[in-house]
Amino acid sequence: MRITKKKGMLLFTIAFSCAVMFGATVPPSTIHAESSSAFKDVSSKHWAKSAIDWAINKNMVNGYPNGTFKPENKVTEAEFLTMLLRLYDSKIEGTTKTHWADAYYDYASKYKYTLPGHSNVKLRENIINRTQVAELVSSTEGVNLKGDDAIKYLLVFHLAKGKDRDVSIASYRGADSLTRAEAVQFVRNISEFGLGTLVEKQAEPTSPSEIPEINYELTKGSED
């Protein structure tokens, strides 16, 4: 966890990079590509081109049979959870009783990560919004934050940048649904600026006062 208290002072841990490998299973309905240039709907100027190339190189995502990547397609809760956890463990296995992502939800439960789909399997196929992404991603670093506080955590620690040059909680647009392009950018951010390991979410809510203020000069940049 990055945020700890000691003698009344806030101490922040250093985020170490880690080498990660993805063992994503390629569904029959998808095709593998060497780079995003193979997709007719991802131009050389697309904001997420670099992240898509990175994810393809890691064998994390693939395209569709018609030669598209569909960067604006929405991502479900189960899909993002699977993508996120494979960043840390490429060989998550378990018994599938009720849903294809059972093993990933069981894995998340070990770290006390809570999602609507834990208690209601049908909700796993709901599109996940960006606030829910912030809450899940921040919880993997050991904190227990909700809503705008979770979003602020991501912005402070470079796990997200938002959708506008004016980096702020508002520009993060937490109510927006997560897209495929945004999902791969999030996971790439986590691989570069995250702690490099999963941390169990603390039981008690994290005090918002423990989150540093956003350094706007350091967080300027492209989307997410």
Protein backbone atom coordinates (compact mmCIF):
# COMPACT_ATOMS: atom_id res chain seq x y z
CA MET A 1 0.00 0.00 0.00
CA ARG A 2 1.35 3.44 -0.90
CA ILE A 3 -0.36 5.30 1.94
CA THR A 4 0.67 4.61 5.52
CA LYS A 5 0.72 6.61 8.75
CA LYS A 6 3.69 6.88 11.08
CA LYS A 7 4.04 9.38 13.93
CA GLY A 8 1.37 11.55 12.39
CA MET A 9 3.22 11.90 9.08
CA LEU A 10 2.17 10.50 5.73
CA LEU A 11 4.67 8.20 4.10
CA PHE A 12 4.38 7.03 0.55
CA THR A 13 5.94 3.89 -0.79
CA ILE A 14 7.82 3.84 -4.06
CA ALA A 15 6.09 2.06 -6.89
CA PHE A 16 8.41 -0.48 -8.46
CA SER A 17 8.06 -1.60 -12.07
CA CYS A 18 7.69 -5.28 -12.71
CA ALA A 19 7.95 -7.45 -15.76
CA VAL A 20 4.60 -9.03 -16.52
CA MET A 21 3.46 -11.66 -18.94
CA PHE A 22 -0.07 -12.33 -20.12
CA GLY A 23 -1.47 -15.74 -20.87
CA ALA A 24 -4.80 -14.60 -22.23
CA THR A 25 -6.83 -17.27 -23.93
CA VAL A 26 -7.76 -16.21 -27.45
CA PRO A 27 -11.48 -16.74 -28.11
CA PRO A 28 -12.35 -18.41 -31.44
CA SER A 29 -14.11 -15.26 -32.61
CA THR A 30 -10.94 -13.17 -32.53
CA ILE A 31 -7.81 -12.92 -34.64
CA HIS A 32 -4.24 -12.20 -33.66
CA ALA A 33 -2.38 -9.24 -35.12
CA GLU A 34 1.22 -8.14 -34.86
CA SER A 35 0.32 -4.50 -34.25
CA SER A 36 -2.59 -2.08 -34.24
CA SER A 37 -1.74 -1.10 -37.82
CA ALA A 38 -3.48 -4.33 -38.88
CA PHE A 39 -6.82 -2.97 -37.67
CA LYS A 40 -8.73 -0.76 -40.07
CA ASP A 41 -10.41 1.12 -37.21
CA VAL A 42 -7.17 2.09 -35.37
CA SER A 43 -5.39 4.88 -37.21
CA SER A 44 -1.80 5.96 -36.66
CA LYS A 45 -3.20 8.99 -34.81
CA HIS A 46 -5.54 7.09 -32.49
CA TRP A 47 -4.88 8.19 -28.90
CA ALA A 48 -4.61 4.58 -27.66
CA LYS A 49 -2.51 3.18 -30.53
CA SER A 50 0.58 2.75 -28.35
CA ALA A 51 -1.38 1.02 -25.59
CA ILE A 52 -3.11 -1.26 -28.07
CA ASP A 53 0.27 -2.21 -29.59
CA TRP A 54 1.56 -2.92 -26.09
CA ALA A 55 -1.40 -5.12 -25.24
CA ILE A 56 -1.15 -7.03 -28.53
CA ASN A 57 2.56 -7.59 -27.97
CA LYS A 58 1.73 -9.04 -24.54
CA ASN A 59 -0.84 -11.36 -26.16
CA MET A 60 -3.40 -9.71 -23.94
CA VAL A 61 -5.97 -8.66 -26.53
CA ASN A 62 -6.80 -9.50 -30.13
CA GLY A 63 -8.93 -8.19 -32.94
CA TYR A 64 -12.07 -9.39 -34.64
CA PRO A 65 -12.40 -11.54 -37.79
CA ASN A 66 -13.47 -8.54 -39.87
CA GLY A 67 -10.09 -6.85 -39.31
CA THR A 68 -11.23 -4.43 -36.61
CA PHE A 69 -10.22 -3.87 -33.00
CA LYS A 70 -13.39 -2.04 -31.98
CA PRO A 71 -11.65 0.33 -29.56
CA GLU A 72 -14.94 1.97 -28.58
CA ASN A 73 -16.68 -1.29 -27.66
CA LYS A 74 -17.78 -1.34 -24.02
CA VAL A 75 -16.12 -3.64 -21.47
CA THR A 76 -17.98 -5.70 -18.87
CA GLU A 77 -17.06 -5.99 -15.21
CA ALA A 78 -15.92 -9.60 -15.71
CA GLU A 79 -13.79 -8.69 -18.73
CA PHE A 80 -11.95 -5.88 -16.97
CA LEU A 81 -11.43 -7.89 -13.80
CA THR A 82 -9.95 -10.72 -15.88
CA MET A 83 -7.66 -8.36 -17.77
CA LEU A 84 -6.51 -6.68 -14.56
CA LEU A 85 -5.77 -9.88 -12.63
CA ARG A 86 -3.90 -11.45 -15.57
CA LEU A 87 -1.47 -8.59 -15.25
CA TYR A 88 -0.30 -10.20 -12.01
CA ASP A 89 -1.03 -13.87 -12.63
CA SER A 90 -1.30 -15.23 -16.17
CA LYS A 91 -2.43 -18.70 -15.08
CA ILE A 92 -5.45 -18.19 -12.86
CA GLU A 93 -7.41 -21.41 -12.83
CA GLY A 94 -10.44 -22.72 -11.02
CA THR A 95 -13.71 -24.57 -11.36
CA THR A 96 -16.29 -22.91 -13.57
CA LYS A 97 -19.68 -23.56 -12.03
CA THR A 98 -21.86 -20.61 -12.88
CA HIS A 99 -19.81 -18.23 -15.09
CA TRP A 100 -16.69 -18.26 -17.28
CA ALA A 101 -14.98 -15.78 -14.93
CA ASP A 102 -15.64 -17.69 -11.66
CA ALA A 103 -11.92 -18.28 -11.11
CA TYR A 104 -11.19 -14.56 -11.35
CA TYR A 105 -13.91 -13.59 -8.91
CA ASP A 106 -12.69 -16.27 -6.49
CA TYR A 107 -9.14 -14.93 -6.87
CA ALA A 108 -10.31 -11.37 -6.21
CA SER A 109 -12.16 -12.50 -3.09
CA LYS A 110 -8.89 -13.72 -1.56
CA TYR A 111 -7.70 -10.10 -1.60
CA LYS A 112 -11.04 -8.72 -0.35
CA TYR A 113 -11.80 -6.96 -3.64
CA THR A 114 -15.56 -6.55 -3.83
CA LEU A 115 -17.55 -6.16 -7.01
CA PRO A 116 -21.30 -6.27 -7.76
CA GLY A 117 -20.73 -9.49 -9.68
CA HIS A 118 -19.55 -11.30 -6.55
CA SER A 119 -23.05 -11.64 -5.17
CA ASN A 120 -25.00 -11.53 -8.42
CA VAL A 121 -23.55 -13.44 -11.36
CA LYS A 122 -25.79 -11.61 -13.84
CA LEU A 123 -24.09 -8.31 -12.95
CA ARG A 124 -20.78 -9.63 -14.24
CA GLU A 125 -21.99 -8.96 -17.76
CA ASN A 126 -22.90 -5.35 -16.97
CA ILE A 127 -20.74 -2.68 -18.57
CA ILE A 128 -18.29 -1.33 -16.01
CA ASN A 129 -18.02 2.43 -15.59
CA ARG A 130 -14.86 4.40 -14.94
CA THR A 131 -15.64 5.06 -11.27
CA GLN A 132 -15.98 1.33 -10.67
CA VAL A 133 -12.63 0.89 -12.42
CA ALA A 134 -11.05 3.45 -10.07
CA GLU A 135 -12.47 1.69 -7.01
CA LEU A 136 -11.21 -1.70 -8.16
CA VAL A 137 -7.77 -0.54 -9.27
CA SER A 138 -7.16 1.45 -6.08
CA SER A 139 -8.24 -1.52 -3.96
CA THR A 140 -5.51 -3.65 -5.57
CA GLU A 141 -3.03 -1.30 -3.90
CA GLY A 142 -4.51 -1.92 -0.46
CA VAL A 143 -6.66 1.16 0.00
CA ASN A 144 -10.41 1.25 0.55
CA LEU A 145 -11.77 4.22 -1.36
CA LYS A 146 -15.02 5.05 -3.09
CA GLY A 147 -16.16 7.41 -5.81
CA ASP A 148 -14.20 10.61 -6.29
CA ASP A 149 -11.64 9.60 -3.66
CA ALA A 150 -10.74 6.48 -5.66
CA ILE A 151 -10.51 8.58 -8.82
CA LYS A 152 -8.23 11.07 -7.09
CA TYR A 153 -5.98 8.21 -5.97
CA LEU A 154 -5.54 7.07 -9.57
CA LEU A 155 -4.74 10.59 -10.75
CA VAL A 156 -2.24 11.26 -7.97
CA PHE A 157 -0.29 8.06 -8.58
CA HIS A 158 -0.35 8.27 -12.40
CA LEU A 159 -2.64 5.28 -12.82
CA ALA A 160 -4.92 7.52 -14.90
CA LYS A 161 -4.84 10.97 -16.47
CA GLY A 162 -8.43 11.55 -17.45
CA LYS A 163 -9.90 12.59 -20.78
CA ASP A 164 -8.88 16.24 -20.98
CA ARG A 165 -5.69 18.25 -20.73
CA ASP A 166 -7.12 19.80 -17.57
CA VAL A 167 -6.50 16.83 -15.28
CA SER A 168 -9.15 16.67 -12.59
CA ILE A 169 -11.73 14.41 -11.02
CA ALA A 170 -14.32 15.94 -13.34
CA SER A 171 -12.23 15.30 -16.47
CA TYR A 172 -11.83 11.66 -15.46
CA ARG A 173 -15.55 11.25 -16.23
CA GLY A 174 -16.33 8.52 -13.77
CA ALA A 175 -19.86 7.97 -15.03
CA ASP A 176 -18.66 7.03 -18.54
CA SER A 177 -18.61 3.38 -19.56
CA LEU A 178 -15.18 1.80 -20.02
CA THR A 179 -14.10 1.09 -23.60
CA ARG A 180 -11.65 -1.50 -24.93
CA ALA A 181 -9.12 1.21 -25.75
CA GLU A 182 -9.40 2.69 -22.26
CA ALA A 183 -9.13 -0.74 -20.64
CA VAL A 184 -5.78 -1.55 -22.26
CA GLN A 185 -4.51 1.93 -21.39
CA PHE A 186 -5.50 1.46 -17.75
CA VAL A 187 -3.72 -1.89 -17.51
CA ARG A 188 -0.63 -0.45 -19.19
CA ASN A 189 -0.61 2.43 -16.68
CA ILE A 190 -0.83 -0.07 -13.84
CA SER A 191 2.05 -2.11 -15.25
CA GLU A 192 4.21 1.04 -15.41
CA PHE A 193 3.19 2.95 -12.29
CA GLY A 194 1.55 0.37 -10.03
CA LEU A 195 3.10 -1.35 -7.03
CA GLY A 196 3.99 -4.42 -9.06
CA THR A 197 2.03 -6.78 -6.82
CA LEU A 198 -1.50 -7.22 -5.56
CA VAL A 199 -2.24 -6.01 -2.03
CA GLU A 200 -5.21 -7.03 0.09
CA LYS A 201 -7.74 -4.22 0.43
CA GLN A 202 -7.88 -2.89 3.96
CA ALA A 203 -11.11 -3.53 5.82
CA GLU A 204 -11.66 -0.01 7.10
CA PRO A 205 -12.28 2.86 4.69
CA THR A 206 -9.16 4.86 3.88
CA SER A 207 -9.32 8.46 5.06
CA PRO A 208 -9.45 10.84 2.06
CA SER A 209 -7.09 13.13 3.97
CA GLU A 210 -4.33 10.59 3.43
CA ILE A 211 -4.40 11.05 -0.34
CA PRO A 212 -1.89 13.67 -1.57
CA GLU A 213 -3.11 16.56 -3.67
CA ILE A 214 -2.97 16.17 -7.43
CA ASN A 215 0.22 17.55 -8.99
CA TYR A 216 -1.26 18.90 -12.20
CA GLU A 217 2.11 19.50 -13.85
CA LEU A 218 3.04 15.82 -13.46
CA THR A 219 -0.31 14.46 -14.57
CA LYS A 220 -0.70 16.32 -17.85
CA GLY A 221 -0.90 14.12 -20.91
CA SER A 222 -3.16 11.99 -23.06
CA GLU A 223 -6.33 10.19 -22.07
CA ASP A 224 -6.23 7.78 -19.13
